[in-house]
Amino acid sequence: MLIRPAADGDRNAIWNVIEPIIRAGETYTLPRNMDKTAAIEYWLYEAHEVFVAEENGDIVGTYFLQAISKAAVGTLQTAAT
């Protein structure tokens, strides 16, 4: 398995991975009826560093990293004290 940065040509494969997750509504707080265009725009948002998992030439997973917000840091600090 190869983990690599997502490329523009991965859009359809990313959608194939994230659509059932969005539709289930159990992992992300996204609208369950979110359409492909909106979902891909969200996933590939410029502040997200997006990766895909590729196996035998097929994309089988995806994830993104993003910086934590200052508000979240404050919440975490408050919770830790």
Protein backbone atom coordinates (compact mmCIF):
# COMPACT_ATOMS: atom_id res chain seq x y z
CA MET A 1 0.00 0.00 0.00
CA LEU A 2 1.19 3.46 -0.92
CA ILE A 3 0.18 6.58 1.01
CA ARG A 4 0.69 9.68 -1.13
CA PRO A 5 -0.54 13.24 -1.48
CA ALA A 6 -3.80 13.47 -3.39
CA ALA A 7 -3.61 14.64 -6.99
CA ASP A 8 -6.23 16.48 -9.02
CA GLY A 9 -6.94 13.30 -10.97
CA ASP A 10 -7.97 11.53 -7.74
CA ARG A 11 -11.26 13.42 -7.35
CA ASN A 12 -13.57 10.65 -8.57
CA ALA A 13 -11.78 8.00 -6.54
CA ILE A 14 -11.89 10.18 -3.43
CA TRP A 15 -15.63 10.63 -3.94
CA ASN A 16 -16.05 6.86 -4.21
CA VAL A 17 -14.37 6.51 -0.81
CA ILE A 18 -16.06 9.36 1.06
CA GLU A 19 -19.60 9.18 -0.36
CA PRO A 20 -20.74 6.16 1.71
CA ILE A 21 -19.15 7.71 4.81
CA ILE A 22 -20.97 11.00 4.27
CA ARG A 23 -24.26 9.21 3.54
CA ALA A 24 -23.99 7.16 6.75
CA GLY A 25 -23.66 10.38 8.78
CA GLU A 26 -21.70 8.70 11.56
CA THR A 27 -18.18 10.07 11.13
CA TYR A 28 -18.32 13.65 9.87
CA THR A 29 -20.79 16.40 10.73
CA LEU A 30 -21.57 16.96 7.07
CA PRO A 31 -25.01 16.93 5.47
CA ARG A 32 -25.88 13.35 4.55
CA ASN A 33 -27.24 14.57 1.21
CA MET A 34 -24.10 16.56 0.32
CA ASP A 35 -23.50 16.37 -3.41
CA LYS A 36 -20.27 15.32 -5.06
CA THR A 37 -19.13 18.83 -5.98
CA ALA A 38 -19.62 20.20 -2.47
CA ALA A 39 -18.01 17.16 -0.86
CA ILE A 40 -14.93 17.31 -3.06
CA GLU A 41 -14.61 21.07 -2.50
CA TYR A 42 -14.79 20.45 1.24
CA TRP A 43 -12.34 17.54 1.18
CA LEU A 44 -9.81 19.29 -1.04
CA TYR A 45 -10.14 22.64 0.75
CA GLU A 46 -6.87 24.55 0.48
CA ALA A 47 -6.25 24.38 4.24
CA HIS A 48 -6.45 20.56 4.15
CA GLU A 49 -3.39 18.50 3.36
CA VAL A 50 -5.05 15.56 1.61
CA PHE A 51 -3.61 12.08 1.22
CA VAL A 52 -4.83 8.91 -0.45
CA ALA A 53 -4.08 5.25 0.19
CA GLU A 54 -3.41 3.43 -3.05
CA GLU A 55 -3.29 -0.34 -3.45
CA ASN A 56 -2.58 -2.01 -6.78
CA GLY A 57 -3.33 1.26 -8.55
CA ASP A 58 -6.72 1.74 -6.84
CA ILE A 59 -7.46 4.39 -4.24
CA VAL A 60 -8.84 2.58 -1.21
CA GLY A 61 -8.76 5.36 1.39
CA THR A 62 -8.24 9.05 1.99
CA TYR A 63 -7.69 11.44 4.84
CA PHE A 64 -6.67 15.03 5.41
CA LEU A 65 -4.68 16.93 7.98
CA GLN A 66 -5.49 20.44 9.06
CA ALA A 67 -4.14 22.86 11.61
CA ILE A 68 -6.05 23.00 14.84
CA SER A 69 -7.84 26.31 15.38
CA LYS A 70 -6.92 28.72 18.16
CA ALA A 71 -10.43 28.32 19.58
CA ALA A 72 -9.98 24.56 19.78
CA VAL A 73 -6.61 25.00 21.49
CA GLY A 74 -8.25 27.23 24.09
CA THR A 75 -10.96 24.64 24.68
CA LEU A 76 -8.37 21.91 25.05
CA GLN A 77 -6.35 24.01 27.48
CA THR A 78 -9.45 24.75 29.55
CA ALA A 79 -10.44 21.08 29.60
CA ALA A 80 -6.95 20.07 30.71
CA THR A 81 -6.94 22.36 33.74
